[in-house]
All heavy atoms as atom14 arrays in JSON, in Angstrom:
{
  "sequence": "IKARYANRLSKRNTDSATDVLSFLNSADLKGNADDMNAIFPDAGG",
  "atom14_mask": [
    [1, 1, 1, 1, 1, 1, 1, 1, 0, 0, 0, 0, 0, 0],
    [1, 1, 1, 1, 1, 1, 1, 1, 1, 0, 0, 0, 0, 0],
    [1, 1, 1, 1, 1, 0, 0, 0, 0, 0, 0, 0, 0, 0],
    [1, 1, 1, 1, 1, 1, 1, 1, 1, 1, 1, 0, 0, 0],
    [1, 1, 1, 1, 1, 1, 1, 1, 1, 1, 1, 1, 0, 0],
    [1, 1, 1, 1, 1, 0, 0, 0, 0, 0, 0, 0, 0, 0],
    [1, 1, 1, 1, 1, 1, 1, 1, 0, 0, 0, 0, 0, 0],
    [1, 1, 1, 1, 1, 1, 1, 1, 1, 1, 1, 0, 0, 0],
    [1, 1, 1, 1, 1, 1, 1, 1, 0, 0, 0, 0, 0, 0],
    [1, 1, 1, 1, 1, 1, 0, 0, 0, 0, 0, 0, 0, 0],
    [1, 1, 1, 1, 1, 1, 1, 1, 1, 0, 0, 0, 0, 0],
    [1, 1, 1, 1, 1, 1, 1, 1, 1, 1, 1, 0, 0, 0],
    [1, 1, 1, 1, 1, 1, 1, 1, 0, 0, 0, 0, 0, 0],
    [1, 1, 1, 1, 1, 1, 1, 0, 0, 0, 0, 0, 0, 0],
    [1, 1, 1, 1, 1, 1, 1, 1, 0, 0, 0, 0, 0, 0],
    [1, 1, 1, 1, 1, 1, 0, 0, 0, 0, 0, 0, 0, 0],
    [1, 1, 1, 1, 1, 0, 0, 0, 0, 0, 0, 0, 0, 0],
    [1, 1, 1, 1, 1, 1, 1, 0, 0, 0, 0, 0, 0, 0],
    [1, 1, 1, 1, 1, 1, 1, 1, 0, 0, 0, 0, 0, 0],
    [1, 1, 1, 1, 1, 1, 1, 0, 0, 0, 0, 0, 0, 0],
    [1, 1, 1, 1, 1, 1, 1, 1, 0, 0, 0, 0, 0, 0],
    [1, 1, 1, 1, 1, 1, 0, 0, 0, 0, 0, 0, 0, 0],
    [1, 1, 1, 1, 1, 1, 1, 1, 1, 1, 1, 0, 0, 0],
    [1, 1, 1, 1, 1, 1, 1, 1, 0, 0, 0, 0, 0, 0],
    [1, 1, 1, 1, 1, 1, 1, 1, 0, 0, 0, 0, 0, 0],
    [1, 1, 1, 1, 1, 1, 0, 0, 0, 0, 0, 0, 0, 0],
    [1, 1, 1, 1, 1, 0, 0, 0, 0, 0, 0, 0, 0, 0],
    [1, 1, 1, 1, 1, 1, 1, 1, 0, 0, 0, 0, 0, 0],
    [1, 1, 1, 1, 1, 1, 1, 1, 0, 0, 0, 0, 0, 0],
    [1, 1, 1, 1, 1, 1, 1, 1, 1, 0, 0, 0, 0, 0],
    [1, 1, 1, 1, 0, 0, 0, 0, 0, 0, 0, 0, 0, 0],
    [1, 1, 1, 1, 1, 1, 1, 1, 0, 0, 0, 0, 0, 0],
    [1, 1, 1, 1, 1, 0, 0, 0, 0, 0, 0, 0, 0, 0],
    [1, 1, 1, 1, 1, 1, 1, 1, 0, 0, 0, 0, 0, 0],
    [1, 1, 1, 1, 1, 1, 1, 1, 0, 0, 0, 0, 0, 0],
    [1, 1, 1, 1, 1, 1, 1, 1, 0, 0, 0, 0, 0, 0],
    [1, 1, 1, 1, 1, 1, 1, 1, 0, 0, 0, 0, 0, 0],
    [1, 1, 1, 1, 1, 0, 0, 0, 0, 0, 0, 0, 0, 0],
    [1, 1, 1, 1, 1, 1, 1, 1, 0, 0, 0, 0, 0, 0],
    [1, 1, 1, 1, 1, 1, 1, 1, 1, 1, 1, 0, 0, 0],
    [1, 1, 1, 1, 1, 1, 1, 0, 0, 0, 0, 0, 0, 0],
    [1, 1, 1, 1, 1, 1, 1, 1, 0, 0, 0, 0, 0, 0],
    [1, 1, 1, 1, 1, 0, 0, 0, 0, 0, 0, 0, 0, 0],
    [1, 1, 1, 1, 0, 0, 0, 0, 0, 0, 0, 0, 0, 0],
    [1, 1, 1, 1, 0, 0, 0, 0, 0, 0, 0, 0, 0, 0]
  ],
  "atom14_positions": [
    [[1.95, 5.69, -14.16], [1.42, 7.0, -14.55], [-0.1, 7.03, -14.35], [-0.66, 7.99, -13.82], [1.8, 7.32, -16.0], [3.32, 7.52, -16.13], [1.06, 8.58, -16.49], [3.82, 7.6, -17.56], [0.0, 0.0, 0.0], [0.0, 0.0, 0.0], [0.0, 0.0, 0.0], [0.0, 0.0, 0.0], [0.0, 0.0, 0.0], [0.0, 0.0, 0.0]],
    [[-0.77, 5.96, -14.77], [-2.22, 5.91, -14.6], [-2.6, 5.94, -13.12], [-3.56, 6.61, -12.72], [-2.79, 4.65, -15.27], [-2.7, 4.68, -16.79], [-3.4, 3.48, -17.43], [-4.91, 3.6, -17.35], [-5.6, 2.53, -18.08], [0.0, 0.0, 0.0], [0.0, 0.0, 0.0], [0.0, 0.0, 0.0], [0.0, 0.0, 0.0], [0.0, 0.0, 0.0]],
    [[-1.85, 5.22, -12.28], [-2.14, 5.22, -10.85], [-1.93, 6.59, -10.24], [-2.71, 7.03, -9.37], [-1.27, 4.19, -10.14], [0.0, 0.0, 0.0], [0.0, 0.0, 0.0], [0.0, 0.0, 0.0], [0.0, 0.0, 0.0], [0.0, 0.0, 0.0], [0.0, 0.0, 0.0], [0.0, 0.0, 0.0], [0.0, 0.0, 0.0], [0.0, 0.0, 0.0]],
    [[-0.89, 7.29, -10.67], [-0.65, 8.65, -10.17], [-1.86, 9.54, -10.44], [-2.3, 10.28, -9.55], [0.6, 9.25, -10.82], [0.81, 10.72, -10.5], [2.0, 11.32, -11.24], [3.25, 10.98, -10.58], [4.46, 11.37, -11.01], [4.56, 12.09, -12.12], [5.55, 11.04, -10.34], [0.0, 0.0, 0.0], [0.0, 0.0, 0.0], [0.0, 0.0, 0.0]],
    [[-2.39, 9.49, -11.64], [-3.48, 10.4, -11.98], [-4.83, 9.91, -11.46], [-5.72, 10.73, -11.19], [-3.47, 10.73, -13.48], [-2.35, 11.71, -13.71], [-1.09, 11.28, -14.07], [-2.53, 13.06, -13.42], [-0.03, 12.15, -14.16], [-1.48, 13.94, -13.52], [-0.24, 13.49, -13.88], [0.82, 14.38, -13.95], [0.0, 0.0, 0.0], [0.0, 0.0, 0.0]],
    [[-4.98, 8.62, -11.29], [-6.19, 8.14, -10.61], [-6.21, 8.65, -9.17], [-7.25, 9.07, -8.65], [-6.23, 6.62, -10.63], [0.0, 0.0, 0.0], [0.0, 0.0, 0.0], [0.0, 0.0, 0.0], [0.0, 0.0, 0.0], [0.0, 0.0, 0.0], [0.0, 0.0, 0.0], [0.0, 0.0, 0.0], [0.0, 0.0, 0.0], [0.0, 0.0, 0.0]],
    [[-5.06, 8.66, -8.53], [-4.97, 9.18, -7.16], [-5.17, 10.69, -7.14], [-5.78, 11.25, -6.22], [-3.62, 8.82, -6.55], [-3.63, 8.93, -5.03], [-4.47, 8.33, -4.38], [-2.69, 9.67, -4.47], [0.0, 0.0, 0.0], [0.0, 0.0, 0.0], [0.0, 0.0, 0.0], [0.0, 0.0, 0.0], [0.0, 0.0, 0.0], [0.0, 0.0, 0.0]],
    [[-4.66, 11.35, -8.18], [-4.81, 12.81, -8.27], [-6.29, 13.21, -8.3], [-6.65, 14.3, -7.89], [-4.11, 13.3, -9.53], [-3.95, 14.8, -9.61], [-2.71, 15.31, -8.88], [-1.54, 15.25, -9.74], [-0.43, 14.57, -9.45], [-0.35, 13.86, -8.35], [0.59, 14.57, -10.28], [0.0, 0.0, 0.0], [0.0, 0.0, 0.0], [0.0, 0.0, 0.0]],
    [[-7.13, 12.31, -8.77], [-8.55, 12.61, -8.92], [-9.37, 12.23, -7.7], [-10.58, 12.04, -7.78], [-9.11, 11.9, -10.16], [-8.52, 12.32, -11.5], [-9.2, 11.57, -12.64], [-8.64, 13.83, -11.72], [0.0, 0.0, 0.0], [0.0, 0.0, 0.0], [0.0, 0.0, 0.0], [0.0, 0.0, 0.0], [0.0, 0.0, 0.0], [0.0, 0.0, 0.0]],
    [[-8.73, 12.14, -6.54], [-9.44, 11.72, -5.32], [-10.59, 12.65, -4.97], [-11.55, 12.22, -4.32], [-8.46, 11.64, -4.15], [-7.9, 12.92, -3.85], [0.0, 0.0, 0.0], [0.0, 0.0, 0.0], [0.0, 0.0, 0.0], [0.0, 0.0, 0.0], [0.0, 0.0, 0.0], [0.0, 0.0, 0.0], [0.0, 0.0, 0.0], [0.0, 0.0, 0.0]],
    [[-10.53, 13.92, -5.37], [-11.61, 14.86, -5.1], [-12.63, 14.93, -6.23], [-13.65, 15.6, -6.1], [-11.03, 16.26, -4.83], [-10.18, 16.33, -3.58], [-9.34, 17.61, -3.51], [-10.16, 18.84, -3.29], [-9.31, 20.04, -3.04], [0.0, 0.0, 0.0], [0.0, 0.0, 0.0], [0.0, 0.0, 0.0], [0.0, 0.0, 0.0], [0.0, 0.0, 0.0]],
    [[-12.34, 14.26, -7.33], [-13.18, 14.36, -8.51], [-13.87, 13.05, -8.89], [-14.89, 13.06, -9.57], [-12.34, 14.83, -9.7], [-12.05, 16.32, -9.72], [-13.29, 17.08, -10.12], [-13.07, 18.5, -10.29], [-14.01, 19.35, -10.7], [-15.22, 18.89, -10.98], [-13.77, 20.62, -10.82], [0.0, 0.0, 0.0], [0.0, 0.0, 0.0], [0.0, 0.0, 0.0]],
    [[-13.3, 11.92, -8.48], [-13.78, 10.62, -8.95], [-14.0, 9.71, -7.75], [-13.06, 9.36, -7.04], [-12.76, 10.01, -9.91], [-13.19, 8.66, -10.44], [-14.32, 8.21, -10.22], [-12.28, 7.99, -11.14], [0.0, 0.0, 0.0], [0.0, 0.0, 0.0], [0.0, 0.0, 0.0], [0.0, 0.0, 0.0], [0.0, 0.0, 0.0], [0.0, 0.0, 0.0]],
    [[-15.23, 9.29, -7.53], [-15.54, 8.43, -6.4], [-14.9, 7.04, -6.53], [-14.76, 6.32, -5.55], [-17.07, 8.27, -6.24], [-17.61, 7.76, -7.46], [-17.71, 9.6, -5.89], [0.0, 0.0, 0.0], [0.0, 0.0, 0.0], [0.0, 0.0, 0.0], [0.0, 0.0, 0.0], [0.0, 0.0, 0.0], [0.0, 0.0, 0.0], [0.0, 0.0, 0.0]],
    [[-14.49, 6.68, -7.74], [-13.82, 5.4, -7.96], [-12.3, 5.53, -7.95], [-11.58, 4.6, -8.34], [-14.25, 4.8, -9.31], [-15.72, 4.4, -9.32], [-16.22, 3.95, -8.26], [-16.37, 4.56, -10.36], [0.0, 0.0, 0.0], [0.0, 0.0, 0.0], [0.0, 0.0, 0.0], [0.0, 0.0, 0.0], [0.0, 0.0, 0.0], [0.0, 0.0, 0.0]],
    [[-11.81, 6.67, -7.49], [-10.37, 6.93, -7.53], [-9.56, 5.83, -6.87], [-8.61, 5.29, -7.45], [-10.07, 8.28, -6.84], [-8.71, 8.43, -6.56], [0.0, 0.0, 0.0], [0.0, 0.0, 0.0], [0.0, 0.0, 0.0], [0.0, 0.0, 0.0], [0.0, 0.0, 0.0], [0.0, 0.0, 0.0], [0.0, 0.0, 0.0], [0.0, 0.0, 0.0]],
    [[-9.91, 5.46, -5.63], [-9.13, 4.45, -4.91], [-9.17, 3.1, -5.61], [-8.14, 2.41, -5.74], [-9.63, 4.33, -3.48], [0.0, 0.0, 0.0], [0.0, 0.0, 0.0], [0.0, 0.0, 0.0], [0.0, 0.0, 0.0], [0.0, 0.0, 0.0], [0.0, 0.0, 0.0], [0.0, 0.0, 0.0], [0.0, 0.0, 0.0], [0.0, 0.0, 0.0]],
    [[-10.34, 2.72, -6.1], [-10.48, 1.45, -6.82], [-9.62, 1.44, -8.07], [-8.94, 0.45, -8.38], [-11.95, 1.21, -7.2], [-12.74, 1.17, -6.01], [-12.11, -0.1, -7.95], [0.0, 0.0, 0.0], [0.0, 0.0, 0.0], [0.0, 0.0, 0.0], [0.0, 0.0, 0.0], [0.0, 0.0, 0.0], [0.0, 0.0, 0.0], [0.0, 0.0, 0.0]],
    [[-9.62, 2.55, -8.79], [-8.81, 2.66, -10.01], [-7.32, 2.56, -9.68], [-6.56, 1.88, -10.38], [-9.1, 3.98, -10.72], [-10.49, 4.02, -11.35], [-11.11, 2.95, -11.49], [-10.94, 5.13, -11.7], [0.0, 0.0, 0.0], [0.0, 0.0, 0.0], [0.0, 0.0, 0.0], [0.0, 0.0, 0.0], [0.0, 0.0, 0.0], [0.0, 0.0, 0.0]],
    [[-6.9, 3.26, -8.63], [-5.49, 3.21, -8.23], [-5.06, 1.76, -8.01], [-4.03, 1.3, -8.53], [-5.25, 4.03, -6.95], [-3.88, 3.71, -6.35], [-5.34, 5.52, -7.23], [0.0, 0.0, 0.0], [0.0, 0.0, 0.0], [0.0, 0.0, 0.0], [0.0, 0.0, 0.0], [0.0, 0.0, 0.0], [0.0, 0.0, 0.0], [0.0, 0.0, 0.0]],
    [[-5.82, 1.03, -7.22], [-5.44, -0.33, -6.86], [-5.46, -1.26, -8.07], [-4.62, -2.16, -8.19], [-6.35, -0.85, -5.75], [-6.26, -0.06, -4.43], [-7.29, -0.57, -3.44], [-4.86, -0.12, -3.85], [0.0, 0.0, 0.0], [0.0, 0.0, 0.0], [0.0, 0.0, 0.0], [0.0, 0.0, 0.0], [0.0, 0.0, 0.0], [0.0, 0.0, 0.0]],
    [[-6.39, -1.02, -8.98], [-6.43, -1.81, -10.2], [-5.19, -1.58, -11.06], [-4.56, -2.53, -11.56], [-7.69, -1.47, -11.0], [-7.7, -2.12, -12.26], [0.0, 0.0, 0.0], [0.0, 0.0, 0.0], [0.0, 0.0, 0.0], [0.0, 0.0, 0.0], [0.0, 0.0, 0.0], [0.0, 0.0, 0.0], [0.0, 0.0, 0.0], [0.0, 0.0, 0.0]],
    [[-4.81, -0.32, -11.22], [-3.63, 0.01, -12.03], [-2.36, -0.54, -11.39], [-1.46, -1.05, -12.09], [-3.52, 1.51, -12.25], [-4.68, 2.11, -13.02], [-5.13, 3.4, -12.74], [-5.33, 1.39, -14.01], [-6.19, 3.95, -13.44], [-6.39, 1.93, -14.72], [-6.83, 3.22, -14.43], [0.0, 0.0, 0.0], [0.0, 0.0, 0.0], [0.0, 0.0, 0.0]],
    [[-2.25, -0.45, -10.08], [-1.06, -0.96, -9.4], [-1.0, -2.47, -9.47], [0.09, -3.05, -9.57], [-1.04, -0.48, -7.95], [-0.75, 1.02, -7.76], [-0.77, 1.38, -6.29], [0.58, 1.4, -8.38], [0.0, 0.0, 0.0], [0.0, 0.0, 0.0], [0.0, 0.0, 0.0], [0.0, 0.0, 0.0], [0.0, 0.0, 0.0], [0.0, 0.0, 0.0]],
    [[-2.14, -3.12, -9.45], [-2.15, -4.57, -9.63], [-1.61, -4.95, -11.01], [-0.83, -5.89, -11.16], [-3.57, -5.11, -9.45], [-3.64, -6.62, -9.56], [-3.05, -7.34, -8.77], [-4.36, -7.1, -10.56], [0.0, 0.0, 0.0], [0.0, 0.0, 0.0], [0.0, 0.0, 0.0], [0.0, 0.0, 0.0], [0.0, 0.0, 0.0], [0.0, 0.0, 0.0]],
    [[-2.0, -4.18, -12.02], [-1.5, -4.43, -13.37], [-0.02, -4.12, -13.49], [0.7, -4.78, -14.26], [-2.28, -3.6, -14.39], [-3.65, -3.97, -14.42], [0.0, 0.0, 0.0], [0.0, 0.0, 0.0], [0.0, 0.0, 0.0], [0.0, 0.0, 0.0], [0.0, 0.0, 0.0], [0.0, 0.0, 0.0], [0.0, 0.0, 0.0], [0.0, 0.0, 0.0]],
    [[0.45, -3.12, -12.75], [1.86, -2.75, -12.81], [2.75, -3.86, -12.26], [3.88, -4.06, -12.74], [2.1, -1.46, -12.03], [0.0, 0.0, 0.0], [0.0, 0.0, 0.0], [0.0, 0.0, 0.0], [0.0, 0.0, 0.0], [0.0, 0.0, 0.0], [0.0, 0.0, 0.0], [0.0, 0.0, 0.0], [0.0, 0.0, 0.0], [0.0, 0.0, 0.0]],
    [[2.29, -4.56, -11.24], [3.04, -5.67, -10.65], [4.47, -5.24, -10.31], [5.45, -5.85, -10.72], [3.06, -6.86, -11.62], [3.6, -8.13, -10.97], [3.48, -8.26, -9.74], [4.15, -8.98, -11.69], [0.0, 0.0, 0.0], [0.0, 0.0, 0.0], [0.0, 0.0, 0.0], [0.0, 0.0, 0.0], [0.0, 0.0, 0.0], [0.0, 0.0, 0.0]],
    [[4.56, -4.18, -9.51], [5.87, -3.62, -9.16], [6.59, -4.52, -8.16], [5.98, -5.08, -7.25], [5.7, -2.23, -8.58], [4.98, -1.21, -9.47], [4.75, 0.1, -8.73], [5.77, -0.98, -10.76], [0.0, 0.0, 0.0], [0.0, 0.0, 0.0], [0.0, 0.0, 0.0], [0.0, 0.0, 0.0], [0.0, 0.0, 0.0], [0.0, 0.0, 0.0]],
    [[7.92, -4.6, -8.31], [8.72, -5.47, -7.45], [9.62, -4.7, -6.49], [10.04, -5.24, -5.47], [9.58, -6.39, -8.32], [8.79, -7.27, -9.28], [7.77, -8.15, -8.55], [7.05, -9.07, -9.54], [6.0, -9.88, -8.88], [0.0, 0.0, 0.0], [0.0, 0.0, 0.0], [0.0, 0.0, 0.0], [0.0, 0.0, 0.0], [0.0, 0.0, 0.0]],
    [[9.96, -3.47, -6.83], [10.86, -2.72, -5.95], [11.43, -1.51, -6.64], [10.96, -1.09, -7.71], [0.0, 0.0, 0.0], [0.0, 0.0, 0.0], [0.0, 0.0, 0.0], [0.0, 0.0, 0.0], [0.0, 0.0, 0.0], [0.0, 0.0, 0.0], [0.0, 0.0, 0.0], [0.0, 0.0, 0.0], [0.0, 0.0, 0.0], [0.0, 0.0, 0.0]],
    [[12.48, -0.93, -6.04], [13.07, 0.3, -6.56], [13.65, 0.15, -7.96], [13.84, 1.14, -8.66], [14.16, 0.8, -5.6], [13.6, 1.24, -4.26], [12.48, 1.75, -4.18], [14.37, 1.05, -3.2], [0.0, 0.0, 0.0], [0.0, 0.0, 0.0], [0.0, 0.0, 0.0], [0.0, 0.0, 0.0], [0.0, 0.0, 0.0], [0.0, 0.0, 0.0]],
    [[13.94, -1.07, -8.36], [14.47, -1.28, -9.71], [13.47, -0.93, -10.79], [13.85, -0.78, -11.96], [14.92, -2.73, -9.87], [0.0, 0.0, 0.0], [0.0, 0.0, 0.0], [0.0, 0.0, 0.0], [0.0, 0.0, 0.0], [0.0, 0.0, 0.0], [0.0, 0.0, 0.0], [0.0, 0.0, 0.0], [0.0, 0.0, 0.0], [0.0, 0.0, 0.0]],
    [[12.2, -0.78, -10.42], [11.17, -0.4, -11.39], [11.04, 1.12, -11.55], [10.19, 1.59, -12.32], [9.82, -0.97, -10.96], [9.76, -2.48, -11.06], [10.44, -3.04, -11.94], [9.05, -3.11, -10.24], [0.0, 0.0, 0.0], [0.0, 0.0, 0.0], [0.0, 0.0, 0.0], [0.0, 0.0, 0.0], [0.0, 0.0, 0.0], [0.0, 0.0, 0.0]],
    [[11.86, 1.88, -10.85], [11.74, 3.34, -10.88], [12.01, 3.91, -12.27], [12.95, 3.48, -12.96], [12.74, 3.98, -9.91], [12.39, 3.75, -8.46], [11.34, 3.14, -8.18], [13.18, 4.18, -7.59], [0.0, 0.0, 0.0], [0.0, 0.0, 0.0], [0.0, 0.0, 0.0], [0.0, 0.0, 0.0], [0.0, 0.0, 0.0], [0.0, 0.0, 0.0]],
    [[11.22, 4.89, -12.63], [11.47, 5.69, -13.84], [12.25, 6.92, -13.39], [11.68, 7.87, -12.87], [10.14, 6.08, -14.5], [10.28, 6.94, -15.74], [8.63, 7.28, -16.45], [9.04, 8.58, -17.62], [0.0, 0.0, 0.0], [0.0, 0.0, 0.0], [0.0, 0.0, 0.0], [0.0, 0.0, 0.0], [0.0, 0.0, 0.0], [0.0, 0.0, 0.0]],
    [[13.56, 6.87, -13.56], [14.43, 7.93, -13.05], [14.97, 8.81, -14.17], [15.15, 8.36, -15.31], [15.64, 7.31, -12.34], [15.29, 6.65, -11.03], [14.42, 7.11, -10.3], [15.97, 5.55, -10.73], [0.0, 0.0, 0.0], [0.0, 0.0, 0.0], [0.0, 0.0, 0.0], [0.0, 0.0, 0.0], [0.0, 0.0, 0.0], [0.0, 0.0, 0.0]],
    [[15.27, 10.05, -13.83], [16.12, 10.89, -14.66], [17.56, 10.47, -14.37], [17.98, 10.42, -13.21], [15.92, 12.36, -14.33], [0.0, 0.0, 0.0], [0.0, 0.0, 0.0], [0.0, 0.0, 0.0], [0.0, 0.0, 0.0], [0.0, 0.0, 0.0], [0.0, 0.0, 0.0], [0.0, 0.0, 0.0], [0.0, 0.0, 0.0], [0.0, 0.0, 0.0]],
    [[18.31, 10.16, -15.42], [19.64, 9.61, -15.28], [20.67, 10.65, -15.69], [20.55, 11.29, -16.73], [19.81, 8.35, -16.16], [18.71, 7.33, -15.85], [21.19, 7.74, -15.99], [18.73, 6.78, -14.46], [0.0, 0.0, 0.0], [0.0, 0.0, 0.0], [0.0, 0.0, 0.0], [0.0, 0.0, 0.0], [0.0, 0.0, 0.0], [0.0, 0.0, 0.0]],
    [[21.73, 10.78, -14.88], [22.77, 11.79, -15.13], [24.15, 11.14, -15.04], [24.7, 11.0, -13.95], [22.65, 12.92, -14.12], [21.3, 13.58, -14.12], [20.38, 13.3, -13.11], [20.92, 14.46, -15.12], [19.13, 13.89, -13.11], [19.67, 15.05, -15.13], [18.77, 14.76, -14.12], [0.0, 0.0, 0.0], [0.0, 0.0, 0.0], [0.0, 0.0, 0.0]],
    [[24.74, 10.75, -16.17], [26.06, 10.12, -16.13], [27.21, 11.1, -15.93], [28.36, 10.69, -15.81], [26.16, 9.45, -17.5], [25.29, 10.27, -18.39], [24.16, 10.73, -17.51], [0.0, 0.0, 0.0], [0.0, 0.0, 0.0], [0.0, 0.0, 0.0], [0.0, 0.0, 0.0], [0.0, 0.0, 0.0], [0.0, 0.0, 0.0], [0.0, 0.0, 0.0]],
    [[26.93, 12.41, -15.89], [27.96, 13.44, -15.7], [29.03, 13.39, -16.78], [30.22, 13.43, -16.51], [28.6, 13.33, -14.31], [29.46, 14.56, -13.97], [29.23, 15.62, -14.59], [30.35, 14.45, -13.11], [0.0, 0.0, 0.0], [0.0, 0.0, 0.0], [0.0, 0.0, 0.0], [0.0, 0.0, 0.0], [0.0, 0.0, 0.0], [0.0, 0.0, 0.0]],
    [[28.58, 13.29, -18.02], [29.52, 13.32, -19.14], [29.7, 14.72, -19.71], [30.3, 14.9, -20.75], [29.01, 12.37, -20.24], [0.0, 0.0, 0.0], [0.0, 0.0, 0.0], [0.0, 0.0, 0.0], [0.0, 0.0, 0.0], [0.0, 0.0, 0.0], [0.0, 0.0, 0.0], [0.0, 0.0, 0.0], [0.0, 0.0, 0.0], [0.0, 0.0, 0.0]],
    [[29.19, 15.71, -18.98], [29.3, 17.08, -19.44], [27.99, 17.63, -19.94], [27.1, 16.9, -20.34], [0.0, 0.0, 0.0], [0.0, 0.0, 0.0], [0.0, 0.0, 0.0], [0.0, 0.0, 0.0], [0.0, 0.0, 0.0], [0.0, 0.0, 0.0], [0.0, 0.0, 0.0], [0.0, 0.0, 0.0], [0.0, 0.0, 0.0], [0.0, 0.0, 0.0]],
    [[27.85, 18.97, -19.9], [26.66, 19.63, -20.42], [25.39, 19.16, -19.75], [25.27, 19.13, -18.53], [0.0, 0.0, 0.0], [0.0, 0.0, 0.0], [0.0, 0.0, 0.0], [0.0, 0.0, 0.0], [0.0, 0.0, 0.0], [0.0, 0.0, 0.0], [0.0, 0.0, 0.0], [0.0, 0.0, 0.0], [0.0, 0.0, 0.0], [0.0, 0.0, 0.0]]
  ]
}
């Protein structure tokens, strides 16, 4: 989430790219299993 909004500020913050890379380094993402998804088991409603 922090990386998304650091990138969003590319026109407002000269440190935007540096912040993005710092946050992603902290996230230490491994792959699609790290996705924050909306889940729909289709149990009705």
